[in-house]
N, C-alpha and C. Protein backbone atom coordinates (compact mmCIF):
# COMPACT_ATOMS: atom_id res chain seq x y z
N UNK A 1 70.37 93.49 82.91
CA UNK A 1 71.85 92.99 82.73
C UNK A 1 70.78 91.47 83.55
N UNK A 2 71.89 90.47 83.08
CA UNK A 2 71.35 89.43 82.90
C UNK A 2 71.75 88.55 84.09
N UNK A 3 70.67 87.68 84.27
CA UNK A 3 70.34 86.35 85.68
C UNK A 3 72.06 85.81 86.22
N UNK A 4 72.02 85.49 87.36
CA UNK A 4 73.14 85.52 87.71
C UNK A 4 72.77 84.07 88.15
N UNK A 5 73.83 82.38 87.88
CA UNK A 5 72.90 81.36 88.67
C UNK A 5 74.28 81.61 89.52
N UNK A 6 75.17 81.80 89.22
CA UNK A 6 75.77 81.73 90.50
C UNK A 6 75.36 81.71 92.66
N UNK A 7 76.13 80.77 93.33
CA UNK A 7 74.92 80.67 94.18
C UNK A 7 75.78 82.04 95.17
N UNK A 8 75.20 82.82 95.99
CA UNK A 8 75.71 83.05 96.89
C UNK A 8 76.92 82.72 98.24
N UNK A 9 77.68 83.75 97.89
CA UNK A 9 79.06 83.84 98.58
C UNK A 9 79.12 85.31 99.54
N UNK A 10 79.79 84.47 100.37
CA UNK A 10 81.09 85.40 101.18
C UNK A 10 82.11 86.25 101.13
N UNK A 11 82.19 87.65 100.65
CA UNK A 11 83.40 87.86 99.96
C UNK A 11 83.54 88.94 100.98
N UNK A 12 85.30 88.68 101.54
CA UNK A 12 86.24 89.54 102.35
C UNK A 12 86.17 90.58 101.04
N UNK A 13 86.35 91.66 101.49
CA UNK A 13 87.09 92.98 100.49
C UNK A 13 88.01 93.46 101.50
N UNK A 14 89.16 93.57 100.95
CA UNK A 14 90.40 94.19 101.86
C UNK A 14 91.00 95.20 101.22
N UNK A 15 90.68 96.20 101.70
CA UNK A 15 91.16 97.56 101.49
C UNK A 15 92.13 98.62 101.95
N UNK A 16 93.22 99.36 101.43
CA UNK A 16 94.07 100.12 102.04
C UNK A 16 94.50 101.10 101.65
N UNK A 17 93.63 102.38 101.40
CA UNK A 17 93.46 103.36 100.86
C UNK A 17 92.94 104.29 100.84
N UNK A 18 93.95 105.93 101.51
CA UNK A 18 93.79 106.71 102.41
C UNK A 18 92.70 107.57 101.66
N UNK A 19 92.35 107.78 100.77
CA UNK A 19 91.82 109.09 99.95
C UNK A 19 89.68 108.00 99.48
N UNK A 20 89.00 108.22 99.80
CA UNK A 20 88.18 107.60 99.40
C UNK A 20 87.40 107.97 98.17
N UNK A 21 87.66 108.98 97.57
CA UNK A 21 87.07 109.76 96.75
C UNK A 21 87.95 109.33 95.62
N UNK A 22 88.83 108.49 96.04
CA UNK A 22 90.00 107.99 94.72
C UNK A 22 89.46 107.27 93.38
N UNK A 23 90.21 106.99 92.17
CA UNK A 23 89.76 106.07 91.47
C UNK A 23 89.57 104.99 92.81
N UNK A 24 90.54 104.12 93.58
CA UNK A 24 90.78 103.03 93.55
C UNK A 24 89.35 103.02 94.96
N UNK A 25 88.76 104.33 95.33
CA UNK A 25 87.06 104.41 96.19
C UNK A 25 86.47 104.05 95.57
N UNK A 26 86.35 104.36 93.93
CA UNK A 26 85.16 104.64 93.50
C UNK A 26 85.16 103.01 93.50
N UNK A 27 86.14 102.15 92.61
CA UNK A 27 85.65 100.59 92.26
C UNK A 27 85.32 99.76 93.61
N UNK A 28 85.65 100.44 94.52
CA UNK A 28 85.88 99.56 95.49
C UNK A 28 84.07 99.85 96.19
N UNK A 29 83.67 100.89 96.14
CA UNK A 29 82.84 101.07 96.31
C UNK A 29 81.77 101.13 95.79
N UNK A 30 81.64 100.32 94.24
CA UNK A 30 80.57 100.48 93.01
C UNK A 30 81.23 98.86 92.61
N UNK A 31 82.09 97.99 93.24
CA UNK A 31 82.17 96.86 93.11
C UNK A 31 81.75 96.18 94.35
N UNK A 32 81.24 97.00 95.84
CA UNK A 32 81.08 96.06 96.74
C UNK A 32 79.03 96.47 96.90
N UNK A 33 79.14 97.60 96.06
CA UNK A 33 77.87 97.93 96.11
C UNK A 33 76.90 96.44 94.55
N UNK A 34 78.07 95.70 93.57
CA UNK A 34 77.58 95.39 92.49
C UNK A 34 76.98 94.23 93.78
N UNK A 35 78.07 94.21 94.55
CA UNK A 35 77.70 92.24 94.93
C UNK A 35 76.51 91.88 96.15
N UNK A 36 77.31 93.17 96.60
CA UNK A 36 75.79 93.13 97.16
C UNK A 36 74.28 93.15 96.84
N UNK A 37 74.03 93.74 95.81
CA UNK A 37 72.57 93.37 94.29
C UNK A 37 72.52 92.22 94.23
N UNK A 38 73.45 91.65 93.69
CA UNK A 38 74.08 90.40 93.74
C UNK A 38 73.33 89.35 94.39
N UNK A 39 73.22 89.37 95.80
CA UNK A 39 73.12 88.92 96.92
C UNK A 39 74.10 88.08 97.81
N UNK A 40 75.01 88.52 97.20
CA UNK A 40 76.61 88.37 98.16
C UNK A 40 76.15 89.25 99.11
N UNK A 41 77.17 88.58 100.03
CA UNK A 41 76.89 89.43 101.25
C UNK A 41 78.95 89.71 101.60
N UNK A 42 78.78 91.00 101.85
CA UNK A 42 79.94 91.47 102.10
C UNK A 42 81.04 91.85 103.31
N UNK A 43 81.70 91.66 103.82
CA UNK A 43 82.43 91.44 104.73
C UNK A 43 83.68 92.68 104.39
N UNK A 44 83.64 93.63 104.56
CA UNK A 44 84.92 94.94 104.65
C UNK A 44 85.56 94.91 105.73
N UNK A 45 87.25 95.01 105.10
CA UNK A 45 88.57 95.24 106.45
C UNK A 45 89.57 96.57 105.54
N UNK A 46 89.03 97.65 106.33
CA UNK A 46 89.45 99.16 105.64
C UNK A 46 90.89 99.08 106.62
N UNK A 47 91.77 98.06 105.84
CA UNK A 47 93.17 98.43 106.99
C UNK A 47 93.70 99.67 107.08
N UNK A 48 93.46 101.17 106.21
CA UNK A 48 94.20 102.33 106.23
C UNK A 48 93.16 102.78 107.44
N UNK A 49 91.85 102.50 107.90
CA UNK A 49 90.84 102.74 108.24
C UNK A 49 91.47 103.01 109.63
N UNK A 50 92.20 101.96 110.12
CA UNK A 50 92.34 100.62 110.52
C UNK A 50 93.98 100.82 111.40
N UNK A 51 94.26 101.67 110.82
CA UNK A 51 95.77 102.45 111.13
C UNK A 51 96.88 101.05 111.49
N UNK A 52 96.61 100.59 110.27
CA UNK A 52 97.61 99.06 109.48
C UNK A 52 98.61 99.22 109.73
N UNK A 53 99.85 98.88 110.21
CA UNK A 53 101.19 98.94 109.84
C UNK A 53 101.87 98.43 108.92
N UNK A 54 102.14 98.42 108.31
CA UNK A 54 103.20 97.19 106.62
C UNK A 54 104.05 96.50 107.05
N UNK A 55 104.53 97.14 107.48
CA UNK A 55 106.32 97.34 108.39
C UNK A 55 106.06 96.07 109.37
N UNK A 56 106.94 94.97 109.27
CA UNK A 56 106.66 94.14 109.80
C UNK A 56 108.35 94.25 110.75
N UNK A 57 108.44 94.18 112.61
CA UNK A 57 109.28 94.81 113.38
C UNK A 57 109.77 93.56 113.81
N UNK A 58 110.90 93.18 114.89
CA UNK A 58 111.35 92.87 115.65
C UNK A 58 110.18 91.98 116.56
N UNK A 59 109.08 93.60 117.84
CA UNK A 59 108.34 92.84 118.30
C UNK A 59 107.21 92.21 117.64
N UNK A 60 106.96 92.54 116.75
CA UNK A 60 105.36 91.86 115.34
C UNK A 60 106.18 90.13 115.46
N UNK A 61 106.79 89.78 115.68
CA UNK A 61 107.67 88.25 115.02
C UNK A 61 108.00 87.39 116.47
N UNK A 62 107.67 88.38 117.38
CA UNK A 62 107.43 87.76 118.49
C UNK A 62 108.96 88.14 119.34
N UNK A 63 110.15 88.12 118.83
CA UNK A 63 111.72 89.20 119.45
C UNK A 63 111.30 90.29 120.06
N UNK A 64 111.97 90.13 120.43
CA UNK A 64 112.61 91.70 121.82
C UNK A 64 112.91 92.46 121.16
N UNK A 65 112.92 94.11 121.38
CA UNK A 65 113.50 94.72 119.90
C UNK A 65 114.88 94.83 120.28
């Protein structure tokens, strides 16, 4: 592996997938490991695990139902 000349960065990795053993989960896990091994700081936010609902409803916008 070649030596990186890039300064270490802080990276926010946002994901939203229900299956950690899927291709998506594998790519996420491997990429985060690679970034950390390269000296970067990785912050993770798993929207699916947080129960995040992607549907915007009236109360979410400050409007009464």
